[in-house]
N, C-alpha and C. Protein backbone atom coordinates (compact mmCIF):
# COMPACT_ATOMS: atom_id res chain seq x y z
N MET A 1 280.05 351.25 79.62
CA MET A 1 280.04 352.49 78.89
C MET A 1 280.40 353.63 79.82
N THR A 2 280.97 354.65 79.26
CA THR A 2 281.53 355.71 80.07
C THR A 2 280.54 356.85 80.25
N SER A 3 280.93 358.03 79.90
CA SER A 3 280.11 359.21 80.15
C SER A 3 278.91 359.27 79.21
N THR A 4 277.94 360.09 79.60
CA THR A 4 276.74 360.26 78.79
C THR A 4 277.09 360.78 77.40
N ASP A 5 278.06 361.69 77.29
CA ASP A 5 278.44 362.24 75.99
C ASP A 5 278.94 361.17 75.04
N MET A 6 279.60 360.17 75.56
CA MET A 6 280.18 359.11 74.73
C MET A 6 279.28 357.89 74.62
N LEU A 7 278.14 357.92 75.26
CA LEU A 7 277.29 356.74 75.31
C LEU A 7 276.87 356.23 73.93
N PRO A 8 276.38 357.07 73.02
CA PRO A 8 275.99 356.53 71.71
C PRO A 8 277.14 355.83 70.99
N GLU A 9 278.30 356.48 70.96
CA GLU A 9 279.45 355.88 70.27
C GLU A 9 279.89 354.58 70.95
N SER A 10 279.97 354.59 72.27
CA SER A 10 280.44 353.38 72.96
C SER A 10 279.42 352.25 72.84
N PHE A 11 278.14 352.57 72.81
CA PHE A 11 277.13 351.52 72.62
C PHE A 11 277.26 350.90 71.23
N LEU A 12 277.43 351.73 70.22
CA LEU A 12 277.61 351.19 68.86
C LEU A 12 278.87 350.33 68.79
N GLN A 13 279.93 350.71 69.51
CA GLN A 13 281.14 349.89 69.54
C GLN A 13 280.86 348.53 70.19
N GLU A 14 280.05 348.52 71.23
CA GLU A 14 279.68 347.25 71.88
C GLU A 14 278.89 346.36 70.93
N VAL A 15 277.94 346.95 70.22
CA VAL A 15 277.15 346.19 69.26
C VAL A 15 278.06 345.65 68.15
N CYS A 16 279.00 346.47 67.71
CA CYS A 16 279.96 346.06 66.69
C CYS A 16 280.75 344.84 67.15
N ARG A 17 281.29 344.90 68.36
CA ARG A 17 282.06 343.76 68.89
C ARG A 17 281.20 342.51 68.97
N TYR A 18 279.96 342.67 69.40
CA TYR A 18 279.05 341.53 69.49
C TYR A 18 278.85 340.88 68.12
N TYR A 19 278.56 341.69 67.11
CA TYR A 19 278.34 341.14 65.78
C TYR A 19 279.61 340.55 65.18
N GLU A 20 280.75 341.14 65.49
CA GLU A 20 282.02 340.55 65.04
C GLU A 20 282.22 339.16 65.62
N THR A 21 281.87 338.98 66.89
CA THR A 21 282.08 337.67 67.53
C THR A 21 281.19 336.59 66.95
N ILE A 22 280.06 336.98 66.35
CA ILE A 22 279.21 335.96 65.73
C ILE A 22 279.42 335.87 64.22
N GLY A 23 280.45 336.56 63.74
CA GLY A 23 280.87 336.39 62.35
C GLY A 23 280.20 337.26 61.31
N LEU A 24 279.52 338.32 61.72
CA LEU A 24 278.91 339.21 60.74
C LEU A 24 279.92 340.25 60.27
N SER A 25 279.71 340.72 59.06
CA SER A 25 280.54 341.79 58.51
C SER A 25 280.01 343.12 59.04
N VAL A 26 280.86 343.84 59.77
CA VAL A 26 280.46 345.11 60.38
C VAL A 26 281.57 346.14 60.20
N ARG A 27 281.16 347.41 60.25
CA ARG A 27 282.16 348.48 60.28
C ARG A 27 281.55 349.69 60.96
N LEU A 28 282.40 350.38 61.71
CA LEU A 28 282.00 351.63 62.34
C LEU A 28 282.34 352.77 61.40
N ALA A 29 281.41 353.67 61.20
CA ALA A 29 281.64 354.84 60.35
C ALA A 29 281.77 356.07 61.24
N GLU A 30 282.85 356.78 61.07
CA GLU A 30 283.10 358.01 61.81
C GLU A 30 282.22 359.13 61.24
N PRO A 31 281.96 360.15 62.02
CA PRO A 31 281.21 361.30 61.49
C PRO A 31 281.93 361.91 60.29
N ALA A 32 281.16 362.31 59.31
CA ALA A 32 281.69 362.95 58.12
C ALA A 32 280.72 364.07 57.73
N GLU A 33 281.11 364.85 56.73
CA GLU A 33 280.27 365.98 56.33
C GLU A 33 278.88 365.52 55.89
N GLU A 34 278.81 364.43 55.12
CA GLU A 34 277.51 363.96 54.62
C GLU A 34 276.69 363.24 55.69
N SER A 35 277.33 362.70 56.71
CA SER A 35 276.62 362.08 57.84
C SER A 35 277.39 362.41 59.11
N PRO A 36 276.98 363.48 59.80
CA PRO A 36 277.74 364.00 60.94
C PRO A 36 277.48 363.27 62.26
N TYR A 37 277.52 361.95 62.22
CA TYR A 37 277.27 361.14 63.41
C TYR A 37 277.97 359.79 63.24
N TYR A 38 278.20 359.12 64.35
CA TYR A 38 278.76 357.78 64.31
C TYR A 38 277.67 356.81 63.88
N SER A 39 278.05 355.82 63.11
CA SER A 39 277.08 354.79 62.75
C SER A 39 277.79 353.45 62.65
N LEU A 40 277.01 352.41 62.78
CA LEU A 40 277.48 351.04 62.64
C LEU A 40 276.77 350.45 61.44
N ILE A 41 277.54 349.90 60.52
CA ILE A 41 276.97 349.26 59.34
C ILE A 41 277.13 347.75 59.52
N VAL A 42 276.00 347.04 59.50
CA VAL A 42 275.99 345.59 59.65
C VAL A 42 275.50 345.01 58.33
N ARG A 43 276.31 344.16 57.72
CA ARG A 43 275.92 343.55 56.45
C ARG A 43 275.24 342.21 56.69
N PHE A 44 274.03 342.11 56.14
CA PHE A 44 273.28 340.86 56.16
C PHE A 44 273.17 340.39 54.71
N ASP A 45 273.53 339.15 54.48
CA ASP A 45 273.44 338.65 53.11
C ASP A 45 272.53 337.44 53.04
N ASP A 46 272.22 337.07 51.82
CA ASP A 46 271.38 335.90 51.56
C ASP A 46 269.97 336.08 52.10
N ILE A 47 269.41 337.27 51.90
CA ILE A 47 268.05 337.53 52.34
C ILE A 47 267.09 337.19 51.20
N GLY A 48 266.14 336.34 51.48
CA GLY A 48 265.14 335.96 50.50
C GLY A 48 265.66 334.98 49.47
N GLU A 49 264.80 334.69 48.49
CA GLU A 49 265.14 333.73 47.45
C GLU A 49 266.28 334.22 46.56
N ARG A 50 266.39 335.52 46.37
CA ARG A 50 267.44 336.08 45.51
C ARG A 50 268.75 336.31 46.24
N GLY A 51 268.76 336.07 47.54
CA GLY A 51 269.99 336.28 48.30
C GLY A 51 270.42 337.73 48.36
N LEU A 52 269.47 338.62 48.62
CA LEU A 52 269.77 340.05 48.70
C LEU A 52 270.83 340.33 49.76
N ILE A 53 271.63 341.33 49.50
CA ILE A 53 272.59 341.85 50.48
C ILE A 53 272.04 343.18 50.98
N VAL A 54 271.91 343.30 52.29
CA VAL A 54 271.36 344.52 52.89
C VAL A 54 272.33 345.02 53.95
N ASP A 55 272.70 346.29 53.83
CA ASP A 55 273.51 346.95 54.86
C ASP A 55 272.57 347.69 55.79
N LEU A 56 272.57 347.27 57.04
CA LEU A 56 271.75 347.91 58.07
C LEU A 56 272.61 348.93 58.79
N GLU A 57 272.18 350.19 58.76
CA GLU A 57 272.91 351.25 59.45
C GLU A 57 272.22 351.55 60.77
N LEU A 58 272.98 351.44 61.84
CA LEU A 58 272.50 351.79 63.17
C LEU A 58 273.16 353.10 63.58
N CYS A 59 272.38 354.07 63.98
CA CYS A 59 272.95 355.34 64.45
C CYS A 59 271.98 355.98 65.42
N PHE A 60 272.52 356.82 66.26
CA PHE A 60 271.68 357.60 67.15
C PHE A 60 271.34 358.90 66.44
N VAL A 61 270.06 359.23 66.40
CA VAL A 61 269.59 360.40 65.68
C VAL A 61 270.29 361.64 66.25
N PRO A 62 270.98 362.40 65.38
CA PRO A 62 271.70 363.58 65.86
C PRO A 62 270.75 364.75 66.12
N GLY A 63 271.26 365.74 66.82
CA GLY A 63 270.51 366.97 67.05
C GLY A 63 269.55 366.90 68.22
N LEU A 64 269.67 365.87 69.04
CA LEU A 64 268.76 365.71 70.18
C LEU A 64 269.51 365.85 71.50
N GLU A 65 270.44 366.80 71.55
CA GLU A 65 271.28 366.97 72.73
C GLU A 65 270.46 367.25 73.99
N ALA A 66 269.38 368.01 73.86
CA ALA A 66 268.55 368.30 75.04
C ALA A 66 267.96 367.02 75.61
N PHE A 67 267.58 366.10 74.74
CA PHE A 67 267.06 364.81 75.20
C PHE A 67 268.17 363.98 75.84
N ALA A 68 269.36 364.00 75.22
CA ALA A 68 270.49 363.24 75.76
C ALA A 68 270.84 363.71 77.18
N GLN A 69 270.72 365.01 77.42
CA GLN A 69 270.99 365.53 78.77
C GLN A 69 270.01 364.94 79.79
N GLU A 70 268.84 364.53 79.31
CA GLU A 70 267.84 363.89 80.18
C GLU A 70 267.98 362.37 80.16
N GLY A 71 268.98 361.88 79.41
CA GLY A 71 269.21 360.44 79.35
C GLY A 71 268.36 359.71 78.32
N VAL A 72 267.84 360.44 77.33
CA VAL A 72 266.98 359.84 76.31
C VAL A 72 267.68 359.91 74.96
N TYR A 73 267.67 358.79 74.24
CA TYR A 73 268.32 358.67 72.93
C TYR A 73 267.36 358.00 71.97
N ILE A 74 267.52 358.27 70.68
CA ILE A 74 266.75 357.57 69.66
C ILE A 74 267.73 356.85 68.75
N LEU A 75 267.65 355.53 68.74
CA LEU A 75 268.47 354.70 67.86
C LEU A 75 267.68 354.43 66.59
N GLN A 76 268.27 354.78 65.46
CA GLN A 76 267.64 354.51 64.17
C GLN A 76 268.33 353.35 63.50
N SER A 77 267.54 352.40 63.04
CA SER A 77 268.03 351.28 62.23
C SER A 77 267.47 351.50 60.83
N PHE A 78 268.35 351.60 59.83
CA PHE A 78 267.95 352.05 58.50
C PHE A 78 268.61 351.17 57.45
N ALA A 79 267.83 350.70 56.49
CA ALA A 79 268.37 349.87 55.41
C ALA A 79 267.81 350.35 54.07
N VAL A 80 268.71 350.55 53.11
CA VAL A 80 268.31 350.88 51.74
C VAL A 80 268.11 349.56 51.00
N LEU A 81 266.94 349.41 50.38
CA LEU A 81 266.62 348.19 49.65
C LEU A 81 266.78 348.35 48.15
N ALA A 82 266.56 349.56 47.64
CA ALA A 82 266.72 349.81 46.21
C ALA A 82 266.94 351.31 46.01
N ASP A 83 267.79 351.62 45.06
CA ASP A 83 268.04 353.01 44.68
C ASP A 83 267.44 353.28 43.31
N HIS A 84 267.15 354.53 43.05
CA HIS A 84 266.72 354.98 41.73
C HIS A 84 265.47 354.26 41.23
N VAL A 85 264.47 354.13 42.10
CA VAL A 85 263.19 353.57 41.68
C VAL A 85 262.61 354.52 40.63
N PRO A 86 262.23 354.00 39.46
CA PRO A 86 261.66 354.88 38.43
C PRO A 86 260.42 355.61 38.94
N ALA A 87 260.32 356.87 38.60
CA ALA A 87 259.19 357.69 39.05
C ALA A 87 257.86 357.07 38.63
N ASP A 88 257.84 356.38 37.49
CA ASP A 88 256.61 355.73 37.02
C ASP A 88 256.12 354.64 37.97
N ASN A 89 257.01 354.09 38.78
CA ASN A 89 256.64 353.00 39.70
C ASN A 89 256.41 353.49 41.13
N ALA A 90 256.65 354.77 41.39
CA ALA A 90 256.59 355.30 42.75
C ALA A 90 255.20 355.18 43.38
N ALA A 91 254.17 355.56 42.66
CA ALA A 91 252.81 355.52 43.23
C ALA A 91 252.42 354.09 43.60
N GLU A 92 252.73 353.15 42.72
CA GLU A 92 252.42 351.74 42.99
C GLU A 92 253.20 351.25 44.21
N LEU A 93 254.45 351.64 44.30
CA LEU A 93 255.29 351.24 45.43
C LEU A 93 254.78 351.85 46.73
N LEU A 94 254.37 353.09 46.70
CA LEU A 94 253.82 353.73 47.90
C LEU A 94 252.53 353.06 48.35
N ARG A 95 251.69 352.62 47.40
CA ARG A 95 250.49 351.86 47.77
C ARG A 95 250.87 350.57 48.48
N ALA A 96 251.89 349.89 47.95
CA ALA A 96 252.32 348.62 48.55
C ALA A 96 252.93 348.83 49.93
N THR A 97 253.78 349.85 50.08
CA THR A 97 254.39 350.08 51.40
C THR A 97 253.32 350.48 52.42
N SER A 98 252.35 351.24 51.99
CA SER A 98 251.26 351.64 52.89
C SER A 98 250.52 350.41 53.40
N TYR A 99 250.23 349.48 52.52
CA TYR A 99 249.53 348.26 52.92
C TYR A 99 250.39 347.41 53.86
N ILE A 100 251.63 347.19 53.47
CA ILE A 100 252.53 346.35 54.28
C ILE A 100 252.77 346.97 55.66
N ASN A 101 252.96 348.27 55.71
CA ASN A 101 253.25 348.93 56.99
C ASN A 101 252.14 348.70 58.01
N MET A 102 250.93 348.52 57.55
CA MET A 102 249.82 348.24 58.48
C MET A 102 249.94 346.85 59.09
N LEU A 103 250.72 345.97 58.48
CA LEU A 103 250.90 344.60 58.97
C LEU A 103 252.10 344.45 59.89
N LEU A 104 252.97 345.44 59.91
CA LEU A 104 254.24 345.32 60.63
C LEU A 104 254.08 345.59 62.13
N PRO A 105 254.75 344.80 62.96
CA PRO A 105 254.74 345.08 64.39
C PRO A 105 255.69 346.21 64.77
N LEU A 106 256.67 346.49 63.91
CA LEU A 106 257.71 347.46 64.24
C LEU A 106 258.33 347.99 62.96
N GLY A 107 258.55 349.29 62.88
CA GLY A 107 259.24 349.87 61.74
C GLY A 107 258.30 350.15 60.57
N ALA A 108 258.91 350.62 59.46
CA ALA A 108 258.13 350.95 58.28
C ALA A 108 259.01 350.94 57.04
N PHE A 109 258.40 350.56 55.93
CA PHE A 109 259.02 350.71 54.62
C PHE A 109 258.62 352.08 54.09
N GLY A 110 259.48 352.66 53.27
CA GLY A 110 259.17 353.96 52.72
C GLY A 110 259.93 354.21 51.43
N LEU A 111 259.63 355.34 50.81
CA LEU A 111 260.27 355.73 49.56
C LEU A 111 260.58 357.21 49.61
N TYR A 112 261.86 357.54 49.43
CA TYR A 112 262.24 358.93 49.20
C TYR A 112 262.01 359.19 47.72
N GLU A 113 260.94 359.90 47.42
CA GLU A 113 260.56 360.07 46.02
C GLU A 113 261.59 360.86 45.22
N GLU A 114 262.25 361.83 45.85
CA GLU A 114 263.22 362.66 45.12
C GLU A 114 264.38 361.81 44.58
N SER A 115 264.88 360.90 45.40
CA SER A 115 266.03 360.08 44.99
C SER A 115 265.61 358.70 44.50
N GLY A 116 264.36 358.33 44.73
CA GLY A 116 263.90 357.00 44.34
C GLY A 116 264.47 355.91 45.22
N THR A 117 264.70 356.20 46.49
CA THR A 117 265.29 355.23 47.41
C THR A 117 264.20 354.53 48.21
N LEU A 118 264.13 353.20 48.06
CA LEU A 118 263.24 352.36 48.85
C LEU A 118 264.00 351.95 50.10
N TYR A 119 263.39 352.14 51.28
CA TYR A 119 264.10 351.88 52.53
C TYR A 119 263.19 351.20 53.54
N PHE A 120 263.82 350.70 54.60
CA PHE A 120 263.12 350.22 55.78
C PHE A 120 263.80 350.85 56.98
N LYS A 121 263.01 351.29 57.96
CA LYS A 121 263.63 351.88 59.14
C LYS A 121 262.80 351.65 60.38
N ILE A 122 263.52 351.64 61.49
CA ILE A 122 262.93 351.56 62.82
C ILE A 122 263.61 352.62 63.68
N ASN A 123 262.84 353.40 64.41
CA ASN A 123 263.38 354.31 65.41
C ASN A 123 262.97 353.80 66.78
N THR A 124 263.94 353.68 67.68
CA THR A 124 263.69 353.15 69.01
C THR A 124 264.15 354.16 70.05
N MET A 125 263.25 354.58 70.92
CA MET A 125 263.62 355.49 72.00
C MET A 125 264.20 354.66 73.14
N LEU A 126 265.39 355.06 73.59
CA LEU A 126 266.11 354.32 74.62
C LEU A 126 266.52 355.26 75.74
N HIS A 127 266.54 354.75 76.94
CA HIS A 127 266.97 355.54 78.09
C HIS A 127 268.39 355.16 78.47
N HIS A 128 269.12 356.11 79.01
CA HIS A 128 270.51 355.90 79.44
C HIS A 128 270.64 354.64 80.30
N ASP A 129 269.77 354.48 81.29
CA ASP A 129 269.86 353.33 82.19
C ASP A 129 269.71 352.02 81.43
N TRP A 130 268.82 352.00 80.45
CA TRP A 130 268.61 350.79 79.66
C TRP A 130 269.84 350.49 78.79
N LEU A 131 270.41 351.55 78.21
CA LEU A 131 271.58 351.37 77.33
C LEU A 131 272.80 350.85 78.07
N THR A 132 272.86 351.07 79.36
CA THR A 132 274.02 350.64 80.13
C THR A 132 273.81 349.29 80.82
N GLU A 133 272.66 348.68 80.64
CA GLU A 133 272.41 347.35 81.20
C GLU A 133 273.18 346.29 80.41
N ALA A 134 273.48 345.19 81.07
CA ALA A 134 274.23 344.10 80.43
C ALA A 134 273.48 343.50 79.25
N THR A 135 272.16 343.58 79.25
CA THR A 135 271.36 342.96 78.18
C THR A 135 271.04 343.90 77.02
N ALA A 136 271.54 345.12 77.05
CA ALA A 136 271.17 346.11 76.03
C ALA A 136 271.53 345.66 74.62
N VAL A 137 272.73 345.15 74.43
CA VAL A 137 273.16 344.72 73.09
C VAL A 137 272.31 343.56 72.61
N THR A 138 272.05 342.62 73.49
CA THR A 138 271.21 341.47 73.14
C THR A 138 269.81 341.91 72.75
N ASN A 139 269.28 342.89 73.46
CA ASN A 139 267.94 343.39 73.13
C ASN A 139 267.90 344.05 71.76
N ILE A 140 268.92 344.81 71.42
CA ILE A 140 268.99 345.42 70.08
C ILE A 140 269.15 344.33 69.03
N ASP A 141 269.94 343.31 69.32
CA ASP A 141 270.08 342.20 68.38
C ASP A 141 268.73 341.52 68.14
N ARG A 142 267.95 341.35 69.17
CA ARG A 142 266.61 340.75 69.00
C ARG A 142 265.72 341.63 68.13
N GLN A 143 265.80 342.93 68.36
CA GLN A 143 265.03 343.84 67.51
C GLN A 143 265.49 343.72 66.06
N ASN A 144 266.81 343.62 65.85
CA ASN A 144 267.32 343.46 64.50
C ASN A 144 266.88 342.13 63.89
N GLY A 145 266.71 341.12 64.72
CA GLY A 145 266.19 339.85 64.24
C GLY A 145 264.78 340.00 63.69
N LEU A 146 263.95 340.77 64.38
CA LEU A 146 262.60 341.05 63.89
C LEU A 146 262.67 341.86 62.60
N LEU A 147 263.55 342.83 62.55
CA LEU A 147 263.75 343.62 61.34
C LEU A 147 264.11 342.71 60.17
N LEU A 148 265.05 341.81 60.38
CA LEU A 148 265.45 340.88 59.31
C LEU A 148 264.29 340.00 58.87
N HIS A 149 263.51 339.53 59.81
CA HIS A 149 262.35 338.71 59.47
C HIS A 149 261.41 339.48 58.54
N GLN A 150 261.19 340.75 58.84
CA GLN A 150 260.32 341.57 58.00
C GLN A 150 260.93 341.79 56.62
N LEU A 151 262.25 341.92 56.56
CA LEU A 151 262.90 342.04 55.25
C LEU A 151 262.73 340.75 54.45
N TYR A 152 262.91 339.61 55.11
CA TYR A 152 262.70 338.32 54.44
C TYR A 152 261.28 338.23 53.88
N GLN A 153 260.31 338.72 54.63
CA GLN A 153 258.92 338.61 54.21
C GLN A 153 258.57 339.53 53.05
N TYR A 154 259.11 340.76 53.02
CA TYR A 154 258.57 341.76 52.12
C TYR A 154 259.56 342.41 51.15
N ALA A 155 260.84 342.38 51.40
CA ALA A 155 261.79 343.16 50.59
C ALA A 155 261.75 342.79 49.12
N GLU A 156 261.81 341.50 48.81
CA GLU A 156 261.84 341.11 47.39
C GLU A 156 260.57 341.53 46.66
N ARG A 157 259.44 341.40 47.32
CA ARG A 157 258.17 341.80 46.68
C ARG A 157 258.15 343.30 46.42
N LEU A 158 258.63 344.07 47.38
CA LEU A 158 258.67 345.52 47.18
C LEU A 158 259.65 345.90 46.08
N ILE A 159 260.76 345.21 46.01
CA ILE A 159 261.72 345.47 44.93
C ILE A 159 261.09 345.11 43.58
N ASP A 160 260.34 344.02 43.54
CA ASP A 160 259.63 343.67 42.30
C ASP A 160 258.68 344.78 41.88
N ILE A 161 257.98 345.37 42.82
CA ILE A 161 257.08 346.49 42.51
C ILE A 161 257.89 347.70 42.06
N ALA A 162 259.00 347.97 42.75
CA ALA A 162 259.86 349.10 42.38
C ALA A 162 260.39 348.95 40.96
N GLU A 163 260.62 347.72 40.54
CA GLU A 163 261.14 347.45 39.19
C GLU A 163 260.03 347.22 38.17
N GLY A 164 258.77 347.33 38.58
CA GLY A 164 257.65 347.20 37.65
C GLY A 164 257.27 345.77 37.31
N ARG A 165 257.73 344.79 38.07
CA ARG A 165 257.44 343.38 37.78
C ARG A 165 256.24 342.85 38.55
N LEU A 166 255.71 343.63 39.48
CA LEU A 166 254.60 343.21 40.31
C LEU A 166 253.74 344.42 40.63
N ALA A 167 252.44 344.22 40.69
CA ALA A 167 251.52 345.31 41.04
C ALA A 167 251.18 345.24 42.52
N ALA A 168 250.90 346.39 43.10
CA ALA A 168 250.53 346.45 44.52
C ALA A 168 249.28 345.61 44.79
N ALA A 169 248.34 345.60 43.86
CA ALA A 169 247.11 344.81 44.04
C ALA A 169 247.44 343.32 44.12
N ALA A 170 248.38 342.86 43.31
CA ALA A 170 248.77 341.45 43.35
C ALA A 170 249.45 341.12 44.68
N LEU A 171 250.25 342.02 45.18
CA LEU A 171 250.88 341.83 46.48
C LEU A 171 249.82 341.73 47.57
N ARG A 172 248.89 342.65 47.53
CA ARG A 172 247.83 342.66 48.55
C ARG A 172 247.02 341.37 48.50
N GLU A 173 246.70 340.91 47.31
CA GLU A 173 245.97 339.65 47.14
C GLU A 173 246.77 338.48 47.71
N ASP A 174 248.06 338.49 47.43
CA ASP A 174 248.94 337.41 47.90
C ASP A 174 249.03 337.39 49.42
N LEU A 175 248.99 338.56 50.04
CA LEU A 175 249.14 338.65 51.50
C LEU A 175 247.82 338.48 52.25
N ALA A 176 246.71 338.56 51.53
CA ALA A 176 245.39 338.46 52.20
C ALA A 176 245.08 337.05 52.65
């Protein structure tokens, strides 16, 4: 990787190349008005019994230039699991995500109530020296492996709650 200013973009390019070599569907997204930062979209399919397709967006959180000058970056891994969750199901879904989040080793499920978007995200603080090590891409891939494991465990159940087919209490009972 080259200069500190280009580090986030070049790191995402390295991760992209890595995922391409193992046959995953990936694309780099250039900054745009609606998302003014570079991001990498990695498509994971066949998640759970229903074979969900999840696009995982990796990006460095923008607006932290002062931290970047000190060599500190925050990589966000973000996946939308469902859009337009009915408002009637939001409280039940929030109860379920609150319970599940206490079980997770990393990351959190959440709901943007205004848009009804059910999501999962992880923010990871990274240092410049770590990002430039030969093992950096492999380490992020391992973190993404844990993220995928958590999606396999909980995404379908949360979607069932979002769609009104399962109650948070039933989920909690099932997980106890």
